[in-house]
Amino acid sequence: MQRADFVFGTGYLGISFMFLFTGFNATQSLLTSLYADMGNVCFVIIYISFGVSCVFIARPAVDMLGARITSAAGAATYTLFSAANIWPMPYFLYPASALCGAGASVVWTAQGVYISQCSMAETSGRHSAVFFFFQRMSLLFGNLISSYVLHRYPTNLLFFIFTLCGGISTLMMCFLPSPPQVSSPVSAVNFRVDTSPRTLLANMWEVWRETATLRRGVPMWMWHGVAGVLFSVWFTARWITPNLGLENIGYVMLVFGVCNIAAIVLLGSLSDKVGRVPCLFFAAGCLTCGLACCTLRYYAWGGTVSFLEVCAVAGLFGVSDGGVVVGINSYLSAHLAQHASTACAVCRAAQCVASSSVLFLTAKAPLAVVVVVHGILIWVAAVMYCKGERSACSSAAHEESTESRPVRLDGDDDEMI
């Protein structure tokens, strides 16, 4: 098998996600600023639907229909959500948000399974970096398009463009290539999977109970969910818009995207050489510094926040998010590939629970409360991740030493195989 085959699959999926999230990421940044409380309700519906669907829909859908079909179907729901923003009425946006959350659970579970199939333990960080390099290019294109259009044209045109991007992604997902080392094709259909809620919950509980690596990795996904709310709700609606205006959100988030992509490329390669833990602690440090800068600027110095100051904080947040993205996805590929679909479902459900739990806290609470909550979660998650990584590495070393140990022949203590 050639490594180019694996890289082609991850790169193709990453480009598909780039088109899909060109619209969705930029829309996320604008929701609260454009629609106020209606935007927050959309976020809540998406996260609740996402979490419930991760438990009851995502895993059986991916197991039965394969990554290709489920990715295309999930991408179609993102496209529908972008289209609903062309006419931003609650009776359009709320059902589209629910469908988008369900589709997101399927898309991201299929992505985790597919990347695990395309990767080996020693290349998981690099392959995660390849995928997210392309996927996070959406931050550049989406925010550039957003800023350009909002300065000159009505928002309806912006969301029409985003809908077209979603349509291109959906079409690309229909032709997702199969990884060469997988005996059954990515698009294989298997209707014999037991999809009863009782069985699904029992299987998840069994994997959760037996897999300490999964339990220690879940806090990182919760951190990722909370950080997503921080960037798309708090930072845009309560920091960028009041200081720089709605039309400059795209430019600031463009800085976020550039730093995010640079971090994914650099830390993705470094994680395979120096380990995932140092890269993750670096990401935690960047997020902590960003929050500290916001706190000092708000409470100690006051006054009007400049464009450069906001961009500096966006850069720190972008580096942090890139490190976390590489860390959690390479962790999944390296240590949980055997239970990929179940692990993805559990982790994504935990991410959504964390996101929806802190959404209104992040949108309404004082800055000091936001900083304390995020600071505690960041470092608890980082420590748990470190323990999970050490546990997985110790188990792998033990298995390797057991397999390499010579076997004595029965009845002869001096002869060995």
Protein backbone atom coordinates (compact mmCIF):
# COMPACT_ATOMS: atom_id res chain seq x y z
CA MET A 1 0.00 0.00 0.00
CA GLN A 2 1.29 3.46 -0.87
CA ARG A 3 1.13 6.31 1.56
CA ALA A 4 -0.02 8.56 -1.30
CA ASP A 5 -3.26 6.59 -1.38
CA PHE A 6 -3.94 7.47 2.26
CA VAL A 7 -2.97 11.12 1.80
CA PHE A 8 -5.18 11.40 -1.27
CA GLY A 9 -8.21 10.23 0.72
CA THR A 10 -7.63 12.60 3.62
CA GLY A 11 -6.86 15.47 1.27
CA TYR A 12 -9.95 14.85 -0.86
CA LEU A 13 -12.15 14.76 2.24
CA GLY A 14 -10.47 17.91 3.52
CA ILE A 15 -11.21 19.80 0.28
CA SER A 16 -14.84 18.64 0.44
CA PHE A 17 -15.05 19.96 4.00
CA MET A 18 -13.40 23.21 2.87
CA PHE A 19 -16.29 23.96 0.54
CA LEU A 20 -18.83 22.85 3.15
CA PHE A 21 -17.45 24.99 5.97
CA THR A 22 -16.64 28.01 3.83
CA GLY A 23 -20.28 28.86 4.37
CA PHE A 24 -20.97 27.33 7.76
CA ASN A 25 -18.00 28.72 9.70
CA ALA A 26 -18.62 32.25 8.44
CA THR A 27 -22.33 31.88 9.19
CA GLN A 28 -21.51 30.76 12.75
CA SER A 29 -19.46 33.91 13.26
CA LEU A 30 -22.39 36.08 12.11
CA LEU A 31 -25.39 34.36 13.70
CA THR A 32 -25.44 36.10 17.07
CA SER A 33 -24.43 39.46 15.63
CA LEU A 34 -27.08 39.31 12.90
CA TYR A 35 -30.01 37.75 14.76
CA ALA A 36 -29.27 38.38 18.49
CA ASP A 37 -31.30 35.93 20.62
CA MET A 38 -32.65 34.11 17.56
CA GLY A 39 -29.04 33.33 16.66
CA ASN A 40 -28.41 31.93 20.15
CA VAL A 41 -31.52 29.75 19.85
CA CYS A 42 -30.21 28.41 16.53
CA PHE A 43 -26.94 27.50 18.23
CA VAL A 44 -28.78 25.70 21.04
CA ILE A 45 -30.94 23.74 18.57
CA ILE A 46 -27.88 22.75 16.54
CA TYR A 47 -25.96 21.55 19.59
CA ILE A 48 -28.85 19.64 21.15
CA SER A 49 -29.70 17.99 17.85
CA PHE A 50 -26.01 17.25 17.33
CA GLY A 51 -25.64 15.62 20.75
CA VAL A 52 -28.79 13.48 20.54
CA SER A 53 -28.00 12.41 16.99
CA CYS A 54 -24.46 11.39 17.96
CA VAL A 55 -25.98 8.84 20.35
CA PHE A 56 -28.89 7.50 18.31
CA ILE A 57 -28.26 8.27 14.63
CA ALA A 58 -24.60 8.85 13.73
CA ARG A 59 -23.04 5.51 14.58
CA PRO A 60 -25.69 3.20 13.07
CA ALA A 61 -25.91 5.44 9.99
CA VAL A 62 -22.16 5.25 9.37
CA ASP A 63 -22.01 1.53 10.15
CA MET A 64 -24.92 0.71 7.84
CA LEU A 65 -24.42 3.12 4.95
CA GLY A 66 -20.70 3.82 4.98
CA ALA A 67 -18.78 7.08 5.10
CA ARG A 68 -19.53 8.15 1.52
CA ILE A 69 -23.32 8.11 1.69
CA THR A 70 -23.54 9.52 5.21
CA SER A 71 -21.06 12.31 4.43
CA ALA A 72 -23.07 13.38 1.39
CA ALA A 73 -26.36 13.28 3.30
CA GLY A 74 -24.90 15.26 6.20
CA ALA A 75 -23.39 17.86 3.87
CA ALA A 76 -26.83 18.37 2.32
CA THR A 77 -28.21 19.46 5.73
CA TYR A 78 -25.48 22.11 6.06
CA THR A 79 -26.45 23.37 2.61
CA LEU A 80 -30.07 23.57 3.68
CA PHE A 81 -29.08 25.60 6.76
CA SER A 82 -27.19 28.11 4.58
CA ALA A 83 -30.24 28.38 2.31
CA ALA A 84 -32.51 29.04 5.31
CA ASN A 85 -30.45 32.15 6.11
CA ILE A 86 -31.44 33.69 2.79
CA TRP A 87 -34.90 34.21 4.35
CA PRO A 88 -34.04 34.43 8.09
CA MET A 89 -37.39 33.59 9.62
CA PRO A 90 -37.74 31.40 12.73
CA TYR A 91 -39.95 28.86 10.92
CA PHE A 92 -37.12 28.39 8.38
CA LEU A 93 -34.08 28.70 10.65
CA TYR A 94 -35.17 26.51 13.56
CA PRO A 95 -36.06 23.35 11.56
CA ALA A 96 -32.96 23.87 9.40
CA SER A 97 -30.86 24.15 12.59
CA ALA A 98 -32.26 20.85 13.89
CA LEU A 99 -31.50 19.11 10.59
CA CYS A 100 -28.04 20.69 10.49
CA GLY A 101 -27.24 19.36 13.98
CA ALA A 102 -28.31 15.85 12.96
CA GLY A 103 -26.31 16.10 9.75
CA ALA A 104 -23.27 17.39 11.63
CA SER A 105 -23.25 14.32 13.88
CA VAL A 106 -23.23 12.05 10.83
CA VAL A 107 -20.63 14.07 8.91
CA TRP A 108 -18.16 14.28 11.78
CA THR A 109 -18.59 10.66 12.86
CA ALA A 110 -17.99 9.56 9.26
CA GLN A 111 -14.96 11.85 9.12
CA GLY A 112 -13.45 10.31 12.26
CA VAL A 113 -14.00 6.78 10.97
CA TYR A 114 -12.64 7.60 7.52
CA ILE A 115 -9.47 9.31 8.82
CA SER A 116 -8.88 6.34 11.17
CA GLN A 117 -9.15 3.99 8.19
CA CYS A 118 -6.69 6.14 6.22
CA SER A 119 -4.08 6.42 8.99
CA MET A 120 -1.58 4.36 10.91
CA ALA A 121 -0.55 5.19 14.48
CA GLU A 122 2.75 6.75 13.36
CA THR A 123 1.09 8.95 10.70
CA SER A 124 -2.10 9.95 12.53
CA GLY A 125 -0.85 13.44 13.36
CA ARG A 126 0.31 14.11 9.80
CA HIS A 127 -2.93 12.85 8.28
CA SER A 128 -5.00 14.90 10.69
CA ALA A 129 -2.91 17.92 9.70
CA VAL A 130 -3.50 17.25 5.98
CA PHE A 131 -7.25 17.01 6.47
CA PHE A 132 -7.58 20.04 8.71
CA PHE A 133 -5.20 22.12 6.59
CA PHE A 134 -7.73 21.96 3.77
CA GLN A 135 -10.80 22.05 6.02
CA ARG A 136 -9.58 25.15 7.85
CA MET A 137 -8.90 26.96 4.57
CA SER A 138 -12.65 27.53 4.81
CA LEU A 139 -11.90 30.09 7.52
CA LEU A 140 -9.95 32.13 4.99
CA PHE A 141 -12.34 31.87 2.07
CA GLY A 142 -15.52 32.15 4.13
CA ASN A 143 -14.40 35.22 6.03
CA LEU A 144 -12.98 36.92 2.94
CA ILE A 145 -16.25 36.38 1.09
CA SER A 146 -18.22 37.50 4.14
CA SER A 147 -16.31 40.76 4.60
CA TYR A 148 -16.32 41.62 0.90
CA VAL A 149 -20.04 40.97 0.40
CA LEU A 150 -21.20 42.62 3.65
CA HIS A 151 -19.39 45.82 2.71
CA ARG A 152 -21.15 46.04 -0.67
CA TYR A 153 -24.23 43.82 -0.95
CA PRO A 154 -27.17 42.56 1.16
CA THR A 155 -26.77 39.47 3.32
CA ASN A 156 -29.12 37.46 1.07
CA LEU A 157 -26.42 37.31 -1.62
CA LEU A 158 -23.85 36.17 0.94
CA PHE A 159 -25.93 33.20 2.02
CA PHE A 160 -26.77 32.34 -1.59
CA ILE A 161 -23.02 32.03 -2.26
CA PHE A 162 -22.62 29.88 0.86
CA THR A 163 -25.46 27.64 -0.33
CA LEU A 164 -23.64 27.09 -3.64
CA CYS A 165 -20.47 26.13 -1.72
CA GLY A 166 -22.47 23.59 0.27
CA GLY A 167 -23.87 22.12 -2.94
CA ILE A 168 -20.37 21.66 -4.38
CA SER A 169 -19.29 19.89 -1.18
CA THR A 170 -22.30 17.58 -1.24
CA LEU A 171 -21.49 16.59 -4.82
CA MET A 172 -17.85 15.91 -3.94
CA MET A 173 -18.86 13.72 -1.00
CA CYS A 174 -20.76 11.47 -3.41
CA PHE A 175 -17.40 10.45 -4.95
CA LEU A 176 -15.38 9.95 -1.74
CA PRO A 177 -12.61 7.38 -2.50
CA SER A 178 -12.29 4.18 -0.49
CA PRO A 179 -9.14 3.68 1.63
CA PRO A 180 -7.03 0.89 0.04
CA GLN A 181 -6.52 -1.07 3.27
CA VAL A 182 -10.25 -1.39 4.05
CA SER A 183 -11.65 -4.74 2.89
CA SER A 184 -15.18 -3.41 2.46
CA PRO A 185 -15.71 -0.19 0.50
CA VAL A 186 -16.45 3.08 2.23
CA SER A 187 -19.88 3.12 0.67
CA ALA A 188 -20.79 -0.44 1.68
CA VAL A 189 -24.34 -0.85 2.97
CA ASN A 190 -25.00 -3.23 5.87
CA PHE A 191 -28.58 -3.29 7.10
CA ARG A 192 -27.83 -6.03 9.63
CA VAL A 193 -26.46 -3.56 12.18
CA ASP A 194 -28.65 -3.52 15.30
CA THR A 195 -29.92 0.05 15.58
CA SER A 196 -32.27 -0.23 18.55
CA PRO A 197 -31.69 2.56 21.11
CA ARG A 198 -31.13 0.02 23.89
CA THR A 199 -28.40 -1.77 21.93
CA LEU A 200 -26.73 1.49 20.90
CA LEU A 201 -26.60 2.74 24.48
CA ALA A 202 -25.38 -0.65 25.72
CA ASN A 203 -22.58 -0.72 23.15
CA MET A 204 -21.52 2.82 24.00
CA TRP A 205 -21.52 2.03 27.71
CA GLU A 206 -19.44 -1.10 27.12
CA VAL A 207 -16.83 0.77 25.11
CA TRP A 208 -16.82 3.61 27.66
CA ARG A 209 -16.40 1.20 30.58
CA GLU A 210 -13.67 -0.89 28.98
CA THR A 211 -11.66 1.89 27.32
CA ALA A 212 -9.85 4.16 29.76
CA THR A 213 -8.22 5.97 26.84
CA LEU A 214 -11.65 7.11 25.66
CA ARG A 215 -12.69 8.32 29.11
CA ARG A 216 -9.54 10.40 29.42
CA GLY A 217 -9.90 11.86 25.95
CA VAL A 218 -13.50 13.03 26.32
CA PRO A 219 -12.64 16.18 28.37
CA MET A 220 -10.57 17.38 25.42
CA TRP A 221 -13.61 17.17 23.15
CA MET A 222 -15.61 19.06 25.77
CA TRP A 223 -12.92 21.75 25.79
CA HIS A 224 -13.12 21.88 21.99
CA GLY A 225 -16.90 22.37 22.16
CA VAL A 226 -16.67 25.12 24.77
CA ALA A 227 -13.87 26.86 22.86
CA GLY A 228 -16.01 26.78 19.71
CA VAL A 229 -18.71 28.71 21.57
CA LEU A 230 -16.08 31.11 22.87
CA PHE A 231 -14.82 31.90 19.36
CA SER A 232 -18.11 31.97 17.44
CA VAL A 233 -20.40 33.58 20.06
CA TRP A 234 -18.48 35.48 22.71
CA PHE A 235 -15.50 36.72 20.71
CA THR A 236 -17.53 37.83 17.68
CA ALA A 237 -20.67 39.22 19.35
CA ARG A 238 -19.17 40.67 22.52
CA TRP A 239 -15.65 41.64 21.45
CA ILE A 240 -15.36 42.21 17.69
CA THR A 241 -18.79 43.69 16.83
CA PRO A 242 -18.94 46.33 19.64
CA ASN A 243 -15.39 47.51 18.95
CA LEU A 244 -14.99 47.15 15.18
CA GLY A 245 -18.47 46.62 13.71
CA LEU A 246 -20.24 43.72 12.03
CA GLU A 247 -18.52 44.22 8.67
CA ASN A 248 -15.06 43.63 10.20
CA ILE A 249 -15.84 40.24 11.76
CA GLY A 250 -14.64 38.53 8.60
CA TYR A 251 -11.29 40.30 8.59
CA VAL A 252 -10.57 39.48 12.23
CA MET A 253 -11.62 35.85 11.78
CA LEU A 254 -9.37 35.75 8.72
CA VAL A 255 -6.44 36.30 11.08
CA PHE A 256 -7.87 33.52 13.26
CA GLY A 257 -7.96 31.25 10.19
CA VAL A 258 -4.40 31.99 9.05
CA CYS A 259 -2.98 31.27 12.52
CA ASN A 260 -5.23 28.22 12.82
CA ILE A 261 -3.94 26.70 9.56
CA ALA A 262 -0.30 27.48 10.45
CA ALA A 263 -0.75 25.77 13.82
CA ILE A 264 -2.37 22.71 12.23
CA VAL A 265 0.50 22.29 9.74
CA LEU A 266 3.31 22.83 12.26
CA LEU A 267 1.84 21.07 15.27
CA GLY A 268 0.50 18.20 13.14
CA SER A 269 4.03 17.41 11.97
CA LEU A 270 5.58 18.04 15.38
CA SER A 271 3.10 15.81 17.20
CA ASP A 272 4.42 12.71 15.38
CA LYS A 273 7.99 13.62 16.37
CA VAL A 274 7.84 15.07 19.88
CA GLY A 275 4.47 13.68 20.96
CA ARG A 276 0.96 15.06 21.23
CA VAL A 277 1.16 16.20 24.85
CA PRO A 278 3.71 19.05 24.42
CA CYS A 279 1.77 20.38 21.41
CA LEU A 280 -1.47 20.27 23.34
CA PHE A 281 -0.03 22.09 26.36
CA PHE A 282 1.27 24.75 23.98
CA ALA A 283 -2.27 25.14 22.60
CA ALA A 284 -3.65 25.42 26.15
CA GLY A 285 -1.09 28.09 26.92
CA CYS A 286 -2.08 30.12 23.83
CA LEU A 287 -5.76 30.06 24.78
CA THR A 288 -4.92 31.05 28.35
CA CYS A 289 -2.81 33.97 27.08
CA GLY A 290 -5.64 35.10 24.81
CA LEU A 291 -8.13 35.09 27.66
CA ALA A 292 -5.65 36.89 29.93
CA CYS A 293 -5.13 39.61 27.29
CA CYS A 294 -8.90 40.14 27.00
CA THR A 295 -9.23 40.35 30.78
CA LEU A 296 -6.39 42.84 31.22
CA ARG A 297 -7.56 44.95 28.31
CA TYR A 298 -11.11 45.10 29.64
CA TYR A 299 -10.54 45.59 33.38
CA ALA A 300 -7.09 47.17 33.70
CA TRP A 301 -6.69 49.46 30.71
CA GLY A 302 -10.20 50.20 29.40
CA GLY A 303 -10.77 52.49 26.45
CA THR A 304 -11.46 51.56 22.84
CA VAL A 305 -9.96 48.29 21.62
CA SER A 306 -7.98 48.70 18.41
CA PHE A 307 -8.09 46.48 15.33
CA LEU A 308 -4.54 45.23 15.95
CA GLU A 309 -5.34 44.26 19.54
CA VAL A 310 -8.39 42.26 18.48
CA CYS A 311 -6.37 40.56 15.72
CA ALA A 312 -3.62 39.62 18.18
CA VAL A 313 -6.14 37.87 20.43
CA ALA A 314 -7.70 36.20 17.37
CA GLY A 315 -4.27 34.89 16.42
CA LEU A 316 -3.74 33.33 19.86
CA PHE A 317 -7.19 31.74 19.72
CA GLY A 318 -6.47 30.44 16.21
CA VAL A 319 -3.21 28.77 17.25
CA SER A 320 -4.93 27.23 20.27
CA ASP A 321 -7.79 25.83 18.21
CA GLY A 322 -5.38 24.38 15.64
CA GLY A 323 -3.42 22.57 18.33
CA VAL A 324 -6.56 21.14 19.92
CA VAL A 325 -7.97 19.99 16.57
CA VAL A 326 -4.78 18.09 15.71
CA GLY A 327 -4.49 16.71 19.24
CA ILE A 328 -7.97 15.25 19.59
CA ASN A 329 -8.17 13.84 16.07
CA SER A 330 -4.72 12.24 16.04
CA TYR A 331 -5.50 10.84 19.51
CA LEU A 332 -8.63 9.25 18.10
CA SER A 333 -6.82 7.79 15.08
CA ALA A 334 -3.88 6.48 17.11
CA HIS A 335 -5.61 5.00 20.16
CA LEU A 336 -9.29 4.48 19.38
CA ALA A 337 -9.35 3.27 15.78
CA GLN A 338 -10.69 -0.13 16.87
CA HIS A 339 -13.87 1.53 18.17
CA ALA A 340 -13.80 4.48 15.77
CA SER A 341 -17.53 4.95 15.16
CA THR A 342 -18.51 4.50 18.82
CA ALA A 343 -15.64 6.69 20.04
CA CYS A 344 -16.54 9.45 17.57
CA ALA A 345 -20.19 9.33 18.64
CA VAL A 346 -19.34 9.48 22.36
CA CYS A 347 -16.80 12.28 21.95
CA ARG A 348 -19.02 14.39 19.71
CA ALA A 349 -21.97 13.95 22.08
CA ALA A 350 -19.80 15.15 24.98
CA GLN A 351 -18.65 18.10 22.86
CA CYS A 352 -22.26 19.12 22.18
CA VAL A 353 -23.31 18.77 25.81
CA ALA A 354 -20.45 21.08 26.81
CA SER A 355 -21.23 23.57 24.02
CA SER A 356 -24.94 23.86 24.75
CA SER A 357 -24.31 24.04 28.51
CA VAL A 358 -22.10 27.12 28.31
CA LEU A 359 -23.74 28.86 25.34
CA PHE A 360 -25.93 31.33 27.22
CA LEU A 361 -23.33 31.63 30.01
CA THR A 362 -20.77 32.71 27.40
CA ALA A 363 -23.23 35.04 25.66
CA LYS A 364 -24.50 36.80 28.80
CA ALA A 365 -22.06 36.28 31.70
CA PRO A 366 -19.44 38.84 32.76
CA LEU A 367 -16.00 38.47 31.25
CA ALA A 368 -14.45 37.30 34.54
CA VAL A 369 -16.90 34.35 34.75
CA VAL A 370 -16.18 33.36 31.15
CA VAL A 371 -12.42 33.42 31.78
CA VAL A 372 -12.63 31.37 35.00
CA VAL A 373 -14.90 28.68 33.47
CA HIS A 374 -12.73 28.31 30.39
CA GLY A 375 -9.49 28.41 32.35
CA ILE A 376 -10.55 25.58 34.66
CA LEU A 377 -11.82 23.40 31.82
CA ILE A 378 -8.72 23.99 29.68
CA TRP A 379 -6.24 22.68 32.21
CA VAL A 380 -8.38 19.87 33.59
CA ALA A 381 -8.83 18.62 30.02
CA ALA A 382 -5.11 18.96 29.27
CA VAL A 383 -4.13 16.93 32.34
CA MET A 384 -6.67 14.21 31.52
CA TYR A 385 -5.38 14.10 27.94
CA CYS A 386 -1.83 13.68 29.24
CA LYS A 387 -2.92 10.76 31.44
CA GLY A 388 -4.76 9.13 28.53
CA GLU A 389 -1.73 9.46 26.27
CA ARG A 390 0.57 7.95 28.90
CA SER A 391 -1.86 5.12 29.57
CA ALA A 392 -2.16 4.30 25.87
CA CYS A 393 1.60 4.41 25.34
CA SER A 394 2.21 2.18 28.39
CA SER A 395 -0.34 -0.35 27.14
CA ALA A 396 1.24 -0.38 23.68
CA ALA A 397 4.73 -0.87 25.16
CA HIS A 398 3.48 -3.72 27.35
CA GLU A 399 1.85 -5.48 24.40
CA GLU A 400 5.00 -5.07 22.33
CA SER A 401 7.22 -6.53 25.07
CA THR A 402 4.81 -9.44 25.55
CA GLU A 403 4.81 -10.26 21.83
CA SER A 404 8.61 -10.10 21.60
CA ARG A 405 9.18 -12.24 24.71
CA PRO A 406 10.68 -15.70 23.81
CA VAL A 407 8.39 -18.70 24.33
CA ARG A 408 9.71 -21.73 26.17
CA LEU A 409 9.18 -25.20 24.74
CA ASP A 410 7.22 -27.59 26.94
CA GLY A 411 9.48 -29.88 28.89
CA ASP A 412 12.73 -28.14 28.07
CA ASP A 413 13.72 -25.07 30.06
CA ASP A 414 16.87 -24.50 28.04
CA GLU A 415 15.35 -24.32 24.56
CA MET A 416 13.42 -21.31 23.40
CA ILE A 417 11.57 -20.38 20.25
